[in-house]
């Protein structure tokens, strides 16, 4: 039985080996890696710092509001995934891919606005169903985090589009942004409202930086 199991592999075993040269593979993988690091960092570091700055009760409230905001990001991420192969194919074939980006861009904006209105408009029901009435205090930061994660969703789309058209995302881009985010959150840690507003500012800077990387003039 073991001998016969190798018979279908005969053609593969005796196939002549051919060397394949894949040029500059790091130039393709590094932008993806750095974009993923940036997106993961912006979504996670605020939770870590909240535990550092606030007591367990306040940190738990912030984590709950963060989770609601993150739902908006997760709900729109599929649009960016669909855009990647479409815009990449158009770019490689020399066709204009900006129209595909703009359609996805406005689709995400509309979805984020609808989701934010829904969450904030029905926040008491929403919070009670998911977390319980003891988390009603997160109402004063829920809108801020919905806005922050809406901006992150748009930033993710911009970076995905940049990857598809071979824009360079470098390590120093990520380092500058991460440092700015930590600095802002560290500065505005007096209460949850200020902390969540700093998250909006951080997300706005992230979006601005993403737009400059993808659509701005490259810096050598």
C-alpha atoms as a PDB file:
ATOM      1  CA  UNK A   1       0.000   0.000   0.000  1.00  0.00           C
ATOM      2  CA  UNK A   2       2.862   2.366   0.855  1.00  0.00           C
ATOM      3  CA  UNK A   3       4.597   1.596  -2.481  1.00  0.00           C
ATOM      4  CA  UNK A   4       1.444   2.242  -4.516  1.00  0.00           C
ATOM      5  CA  UNK A   5       0.877   5.516  -2.711  1.00  0.00           C
ATOM      6  CA  UNK A   6       4.066   6.853  -4.331  1.00  0.00           C
ATOM      7  CA  UNK A   7       2.980   6.046  -7.908  1.00  0.00           C
ATOM      8  CA  UNK A   8       0.989   9.281  -8.417  1.00  0.00           C
ATOM      9  CA  UNK A   9       4.078  11.218  -7.301  1.00  0.00           C
ATOM     10  CA  UNK A  10       6.313   9.686  -9.999  1.00  0.00           C
ATOM     11  CA  UNK A  11       5.732  12.518 -12.472  1.00  0.00           C
ATOM     12  CA  UNK A  12       6.470  15.141  -9.816  1.00  0.00           C
ATOM     13  CA  UNK A  13       9.620  13.398  -8.570  1.00  0.00           C
ATOM     14  CA  UNK A  14      11.130  13.158 -12.057  1.00  0.00           C
ATOM     15  CA  UNK A  15      10.095  16.624 -13.171  1.00  0.00           C
ATOM     16  CA  UNK A  16      13.106  18.726 -14.114  1.00  0.00           C
ATOM     17  CA  UNK A  17      13.822  21.457 -11.607  1.00  0.00           C
ATOM     18  CA  UNK A  18      13.762  25.026 -12.847  1.00  0.00           C
ATOM     19  CA  UNK A  19      15.228  27.989 -11.028  1.00  0.00           C
ATOM     20  CA  UNK A  20      12.858  30.871 -10.599  1.00  0.00           C
ATOM     21  CA  UNK A  21      14.189  34.316  -9.808  1.00  0.00           C
ATOM     22  CA  UNK A  22      11.802  36.553  -7.906  1.00  0.00           C
ATOM     23  CA  UNK A  23      13.417  39.998  -7.940  1.00  0.00           C
ATOM     24  CA  UNK A  24      13.189  42.383  -5.011  1.00  0.00           C
ATOM     25  CA  UNK A  25      10.783  40.226  -3.033  1.00  0.00           C
ATOM     26  CA  UNK A  26      11.427  42.351   0.060  1.00  0.00           C
ATOM     27  CA  UNK A  27      10.214  45.420  -1.796  1.00  0.00           C
ATOM     28  CA  UNK A  28       6.807  43.753  -2.068  1.00  0.00           C
ATOM     29  CA  UNK A  29       6.574  42.272   1.416  1.00  0.00           C
ATOM     30  CA  UNK A  30       7.917  45.144   3.518  1.00  0.00           C
ATOM     31  CA  UNK A  31       5.094  47.617   2.719  1.00  0.00           C
ATOM     32  CA  UNK A  32       2.533  44.967   3.694  1.00  0.00           C
ATOM     33  CA  UNK A  33       4.411  44.215   6.912  1.00  0.00           C
ATOM     34  CA  UNK A  34       4.762  47.853   7.960  1.00  0.00           C
ATOM     35  CA  UNK A  35       1.134  48.649   7.076  1.00  0.00           C
ATOM     36  CA  UNK A  36      -0.063  45.724   9.216  1.00  0.00           C
ATOM     37  CA  UNK A  37       2.138  46.827  12.115  1.00  0.00           C
ATOM     38  CA  UNK A  38       0.778  50.380  11.935  1.00  0.00           C
ATOM     39  CA  UNK A  39      -2.873  49.252  11.829  1.00  0.00           C
ATOM     40  CA  UNK A  40      -2.390  46.777  14.689  1.00  0.00           C
ATOM     41  CA  UNK A  41      -0.546  49.357  16.776  1.00  0.00           C
ATOM     42  CA  UNK A  42      -3.148  52.112  16.424  1.00  0.00           C
ATOM     43  CA  UNK A  43      -5.898  49.716  17.495  1.00  0.00           C
ATOM     44  CA  UNK A  44      -4.101  48.236  20.470  1.00  0.00           C
ATOM     45  CA  UNK A  45      -1.761  50.695  22.168  1.00  0.00           C
ATOM     46  CA  UNK A  46      -4.598  52.804  23.610  1.00  0.00           C
ATOM     47  CA  UNK A  47      -5.927  49.792  25.515  1.00  0.00           C
ATOM     48  CA  UNK A  48      -2.482  49.057  26.927  1.00  0.00           C
ATOM     49  CA  UNK A  49      -1.951  52.675  27.974  1.00  0.00           C
ATOM     50  CA  UNK A  50      -5.467  52.924  29.444  1.00  0.00           C
ATOM     51  CA  UNK A  51      -4.579  50.095  31.807  1.00  0.00           C
ATOM     52  CA  UNK A  52      -1.439  52.014  32.728  1.00  0.00           C
ATOM     53  CA  UNK A  53      -3.120  55.391  33.330  1.00  0.00           C
ATOM     54  CA  UNK A  54      -6.507  54.479  34.845  1.00  0.00           C
ATOM     55  CA  UNK A  55      -7.837  52.220  37.545  1.00  0.00           C
ATOM     56  CA  UNK A  56      -9.327  48.844  36.617  1.00  0.00           C
ATOM     57  CA  UNK A  57     -12.892  50.188  36.530  1.00  0.00           C
ATOM     58  CA  UNK A  58     -12.132  53.057  34.145  1.00  0.00           C
ATOM     59  CA  UNK A  59      -9.815  50.904  32.057  1.00  0.00           C
ATOM     60  CA  UNK A  60     -12.611  48.344  31.697  1.00  0.00           C
ATOM     61  CA  UNK A  61     -15.023  51.055  30.569  1.00  0.00           C
ATOM     62  CA  UNK A  62     -12.563  52.298  27.988  1.00  0.00           C
ATOM     63  CA  UNK A  63     -11.951  48.747  26.737  1.00  0.00           C
ATOM     64  CA  UNK A  64     -15.713  48.282  26.280  1.00  0.00           C
ATOM     65  CA  UNK A  65     -16.038  51.517  24.278  1.00  0.00           C
ATOM     66  CA  UNK A  66     -12.952  50.565  22.263  1.00  0.00           C
ATOM     67  CA  UNK A  67     -14.564  47.237  21.387  1.00  0.00           C
ATOM     68  CA  UNK A  68     -17.648  48.999  20.041  1.00  0.00           C
ATOM     69  CA  UNK A  69     -15.487  51.284  17.932  1.00  0.00           C
ATOM     70  CA  UNK A  70     -13.482  48.316  16.685  1.00  0.00           C
ATOM     71  CA  UNK A  71     -16.706  46.750  15.390  1.00  0.00           C
ATOM     72  CA  UNK A  72     -16.908  49.589  12.869  1.00  0.00           C
ATOM     73  CA  UNK A  73     -13.395  48.826  11.654  1.00  0.00           C
ATOM     74  CA  UNK A  74     -14.097  45.103  11.374  1.00  0.00           C
ATOM     75  CA  UNK A  75     -17.331  45.813   9.541  1.00  0.00           C
ATOM     76  CA  UNK A  76     -15.552  47.765   6.810  1.00  0.00           C
ATOM     77  CA  UNK A  77     -12.338  45.798   6.449  1.00  0.00           C
ATOM     78  CA  UNK A  78     -13.825  43.521   3.780  1.00  0.00           C
ATOM     79  CA  UNK A  79     -14.126  46.515   1.416  1.00  0.00           C
ATOM     80  CA  UNK A  80     -10.374  47.107   1.634  1.00  0.00           C
ATOM     81  CA  UNK A  81      -9.709  43.402   1.012  1.00  0.00           C
ATOM     82  CA  UNK A  82     -11.837  43.487  -2.141  1.00  0.00           C
ATOM     83  CA  UNK A  83     -10.092  46.641  -3.367  1.00  0.00           C
ATOM     84  CA  UNK A  84      -6.584  45.156  -3.123  1.00  0.00           C
ATOM     85  CA  UNK A  85      -6.700  42.634  -6.007  1.00  0.00           C
ATOM     86  CA  UNK A  86      -8.843  44.900  -8.203  1.00  0.00           C
ATOM     87  CA  UNK A  87      -6.631  47.974  -7.969  1.00  0.00           C
ATOM     88  CA  UNK A  88      -3.457  45.853  -8.133  1.00  0.00           C
ATOM     89  CA  UNK A  89      -4.587  44.208 -11.362  1.00  0.00           C
ATOM     90  CA  UNK A  90      -5.518  47.555 -12.903  1.00  0.00           C
ATOM     91  CA  UNK A  91      -2.217  49.103 -11.856  1.00  0.00           C
ATOM     92  CA  UNK A  92      -0.157  46.230 -13.280  1.00  0.00           C
ATOM     93  CA  UNK A  93      -2.040  46.408 -16.579  1.00  0.00           C
ATOM     94  CA  UNK A  94      -1.537  50.164 -16.826  1.00  0.00           C
ATOM     95  CA  UNK A  95      -5.189  51.070 -16.241  1.00  0.00           C
ATOM     96  CA  UNK A  96      -6.430  53.801 -13.924  1.00  0.00           C
ATOM     97  CA  UNK A  97      -7.251  52.368 -10.494  1.00  0.00           C
ATOM     98  CA  UNK A  98      -8.273  55.585  -8.746  1.00  0.00           C
ATOM     99  CA  UNK A  99     -11.956  55.121  -9.613  1.00  0.00           C
ATOM    100  CA  UNK A 100     -12.036  51.799  -7.746  1.00  0.00           C
ATOM    101  CA  UNK A 101     -10.388  53.463  -4.770  1.00  0.00           C
ATOM    102  CA  UNK A 102     -12.868  56.350  -4.733  1.00  0.00           C
ATOM    103  CA  UNK A 103     -15.850  53.986  -4.829  1.00  0.00           C
ATOM    104  CA  UNK A 104     -14.444  52.041  -1.880  1.00  0.00           C
ATOM    105  CA  UNK A 105     -13.520  55.285  -0.119  1.00  0.00           C
ATOM    106  CA  UNK A 106     -17.046  56.682  -0.235  1.00  0.00           C
ATOM    107  CA  UNK A 107     -18.560  53.285   0.589  1.00  0.00           C
ATOM    108  CA  UNK A 108     -16.536  53.111   3.800  1.00  0.00           C
ATOM    109  CA  UNK A 109     -17.395  56.701   4.739  1.00  0.00           C
ATOM    110  CA  UNK A 110     -21.124  56.009   4.273  1.00  0.00           C
ATOM    111  CA  UNK A 111     -20.946  52.780   6.273  1.00  0.00           C
ATOM    112  CA  UNK A 112     -19.017  54.469   9.090  1.00  0.00           C
ATOM    113  CA  UNK A 113     -21.546  57.305   9.287  1.00  0.00           C
ATOM    114  CA  UNK A 114     -24.490  54.877   9.360  1.00  0.00           C
ATOM    115  CA  UNK A 115     -22.806  52.689  11.984  1.00  0.00           C
ATOM    116  CA  UNK A 116     -21.922  55.687  14.177  1.00  0.00           C
ATOM    117  CA  UNK A 117     -25.462  57.090  13.999  1.00  0.00           C
ATOM    118  CA  UNK A 118     -26.882  53.672  14.819  1.00  0.00           C
ATOM    119  CA  UNK A 119     -24.559  53.042  17.764  1.00  0.00           C
ATOM    120  CA  UNK A 120     -24.855  56.516  19.283  1.00  0.00           C
ATOM    121  CA  UNK A 121     -28.582  56.862  18.583  1.00  0.00           C
ATOM    122  CA  UNK A 122     -29.357  53.539  20.259  1.00  0.00           C
ATOM    123  CA  UNK A 123     -26.441  53.570  22.678  1.00  0.00           C
ATOM    124  CA  UNK A 124     -28.451  52.712  25.794  1.00  0.00           C
ATOM    125  CA  UNK A 125     -29.986  49.648  24.149  1.00  0.00           C
ATOM    126  CA  UNK A 126     -26.686  48.765  22.485  1.00  0.00           C
ATOM    127  CA  UNK A 127     -24.647  49.000  25.690  1.00  0.00           C
ATOM    128  CA  UNK A 128     -27.249  47.167  27.760  1.00  0.00           C
ATOM    129  CA  UNK A 129     -27.421  44.227  25.351  1.00  0.00           C
ATOM    130  CA  UNK A 130     -23.673  43.787  24.914  1.00  0.00           C
ATOM    131  CA  UNK A 131     -22.175  44.858  28.241  1.00  0.00           C
ATOM    132  CA  UNK A 132     -24.985  45.450  30.730  1.00  0.00           C
ATOM    133  CA  UNK A 133     -26.342  48.541  32.431  1.00  0.00           C
ATOM    134  CA  UNK A 134     -23.207  48.921  34.574  1.00  0.00           C
ATOM    135  CA  UNK A 135     -21.401  50.213  31.480  1.00  0.00           C
ATOM    136  CA  UNK A 136     -23.752  53.120  30.754  1.00  0.00           C
ATOM    137  CA  UNK A 137     -20.947  55.491  31.764  1.00  0.00           C
ATOM    138  CA  UNK A 138     -19.145  54.820  28.475  1.00  0.00           C
ATOM    139  CA  UNK A 139     -21.780  56.933  26.700  1.00  0.00           C
ATOM    140  CA  UNK A 140     -19.608  60.043  27.075  1.00  0.00           C
ATOM    141  CA  UNK A 141     -16.743  58.472  25.091  1.00  0.00           C
ATOM    142  CA  UNK A 142     -18.613  56.174  22.714  1.00  0.00           C
ATOM    143  CA  UNK A 143     -19.010  58.773  19.960  1.00  0.00           C
ATOM    144  CA  UNK A 144     -15.322  59.699  20.175  1.00  0.00           C
ATOM    145  CA  UNK A 145     -14.179  56.137  19.670  1.00  0.00           C
ATOM    146  CA  UNK A 146     -16.649  55.548  16.848  1.00  0.00           C
ATOM    147  CA  UNK A 147     -15.147  58.561  15.082  1.00  0.00           C
ATOM    148  CA  UNK A 148     -11.605  57.381  15.832  1.00  0.00           C
ATOM    149  CA  UNK A 149     -12.180  53.917  14.405  1.00  0.00           C
ATOM    150  CA  UNK A 150     -13.983  55.345  11.396  1.00  0.00           C
ATOM    151  CA  UNK A 151     -10.819  57.306  10.624  1.00  0.00           C
ATOM    152  CA  UNK A 152      -8.747  54.170  11.157  1.00  0.00           C
ATOM    153  CA  UNK A 153     -11.010  52.300   8.715  1.00  0.00           C
ATOM    154  CA  UNK A 154     -10.389  54.943   6.066  1.00  0.00           C
ATOM    155  CA  UNK A 155      -6.646  54.889   6.806  1.00  0.00           C
ATOM    156  CA  UNK A 156      -6.600  51.128   6.350  1.00  0.00           C
ATOM    157  CA  UNK A 157      -8.244  51.495   2.942  1.00  0.00           C
ATOM    158  CA  UNK A 158      -5.727  54.154   1.906  1.00  0.00           C
ATOM    159  CA  UNK A 159      -2.769  52.001   2.932  1.00  0.00           C
ATOM    160  CA  UNK A 160      -4.195  48.918   1.215  1.00  0.00           C
ATOM    161  CA  UNK A 161      -4.606  50.941  -1.950  1.00  0.00           C
ATOM    162  CA  UNK A 162      -1.044  52.205  -1.592  1.00  0.00           C
ATOM    163  CA  UNK A 163       0.224  48.633  -1.352  1.00  0.00           C
ATOM    164  CA  UNK A 164      -1.733  47.664  -4.478  1.00  0.00           C
ATOM    165  CA  UNK A 165      -0.048  50.408  -6.521  1.00  0.00           C
ATOM    166  CA  UNK A 166       3.415  49.671  -5.111  1.00  0.00           C
ATOM    167  CA  UNK A 167       3.771  52.672  -2.828  1.00  0.00           C
ATOM    168  CA  UNK A 168       6.592  52.395  -0.309  1.00  0.00           C
ATOM    169  CA  UNK A 169       5.672  52.177   3.376  1.00  0.00           C
ATOM    170  CA  UNK A 170       8.881  52.364   5.370  1.00  0.00           C
ATOM    171  CA  UNK A 171       9.883  51.588   8.935  1.00  0.00           C
ATOM    172  CA  UNK A 172      10.438  55.242   9.800  1.00  0.00           C
ATOM    173  CA  UNK A 173       6.841  56.034   8.819  1.00  0.00           C
ATOM    174  CA  UNK A 174       5.636  53.557  11.433  1.00  0.00           C
ATOM    175  CA  UNK A 175       8.129  54.760  14.064  1.00  0.00           C
ATOM    176  CA  UNK A 176       7.088  58.402  13.680  1.00  0.00           C
ATOM    177  CA  UNK A 177       3.409  57.587  13.921  1.00  0.00           C
ATOM    178  CA  UNK A 178       3.756  55.220  16.886  1.00  0.00           C
ATOM    179  CA  UNK A 179       5.808  57.807  18.763  1.00  0.00           C
ATOM    180  CA  UNK A 180       3.224  60.529  18.041  1.00  0.00           C
ATOM    181  CA  UNK A 181       0.363  58.325  19.214  1.00  0.00           C
ATOM    182  CA  UNK A 182       2.059  57.374  22.456  1.00  0.00           C
ATOM    183  CA  UNK A 183       2.963  61.015  23.087  1.00  0.00           C
ATOM    184  CA  UNK A 184      -0.596  62.257  22.540  1.00  0.00           C
ATOM    185  CA  UNK A 185      -2.217  59.556  24.655  1.00  0.00           C
ATOM    186  CA  UNK A 186       0.359  60.115  27.386  1.00  0.00           C
ATOM    187  CA  UNK A 187      -0.314  63.872  27.359  1.00  0.00           C
ATOM    188  CA  UNK A 188      -4.112  63.634  27.512  1.00  0.00           C
ATOM    189  CA  UNK A 189      -4.539  60.977  30.176  1.00  0.00           C
ATOM    190  CA  UNK A 190      -6.322  63.093  32.773  1.00  0.00           C
ATOM    191  CA  UNK A 191      -9.684  61.412  32.144  1.00  0.00           C
ATOM    192  CA  UNK A 192     -11.407  59.096  29.661  1.00  0.00           C
ATOM    193  CA  UNK A 193     -12.977  61.915  27.661  1.00  0.00           C
ATOM    194  CA  UNK A 194      -9.646  63.613  26.987  1.00  0.00           C
ATOM    195  CA  UNK A 195      -8.022  60.237  26.350  1.00  0.00           C
ATOM    196  CA  UNK A 196     -10.669  59.328  23.767  1.00  0.00           C
ATOM    197  CA  UNK A 197     -10.337  62.766  22.144  1.00  0.00           C
ATOM    198  CA  UNK A 198      -6.606  62.150  21.873  1.00  0.00           C
ATOM    199  CA  UNK A 199      -7.494  58.918  20.100  1.00  0.00           C
ATOM    200  CA  UNK A 200      -9.483  60.929  17.527  1.00  0.00           C
ATOM    201  CA  UNK A 201      -6.513  63.240  17.000  1.00  0.00           C
ATOM    202  CA  UNK A 202      -4.187  60.279  16.690  1.00  0.00           C
ATOM    203  CA  UNK A 203      -6.457  58.619  14.128  1.00  0.00           C
ATOM    204  CA  UNK A 204      -6.727  61.884  12.169  1.00  0.00           C
ATOM    205  CA  UNK A 205      -2.929  62.152  12.065  1.00  0.00           C
ATOM    206  CA  UNK A 206      -2.731  58.524  10.974  1.00  0.00           C
ATOM    207  CA  UNK A 207      -5.144  59.209   8.113  1.00  0.00           C
ATOM    208  CA  UNK A 208      -3.234  62.352   7.105  1.00  0.00           C
ATOM    209  CA  UNK A 209       0.041  60.449   7.119  1.00  0.00           C
ATOM    210  CA  UNK A 210      -1.468  57.604   5.102  1.00  0.00           C
ATOM    211  CA  UNK A 211      -2.753  60.026   2.460  1.00  0.00           C
ATOM    212  CA  UNK A 212       0.658  61.701   2.246  1.00  0.00           C
ATOM    213  CA  UNK A 213       2.431  58.353   1.862  1.00  0.00           C
ATOM    214  CA  UNK A 214       0.121  57.122  -0.873  1.00  0.00           C
ATOM    215  CA  UNK A 215      -0.707  60.311  -2.764  1.00  0.00           C
ATOM    216  CA  UNK A 216       2.102  62.675  -1.778  1.00  0.00           C
ATOM    217  CA  UNK A 217       5.503  63.120  -3.322  1.00  0.00           C
ATOM    218  CA  UNK A 218       7.873  60.348  -2.150  1.00  0.00           C
ATOM    219  CA  UNK A 219      10.605  61.343   0.302  1.00  0.00           C
ATOM    220  CA  UNK A 220      13.908  59.664  -0.422  1.00  0.00           C
END
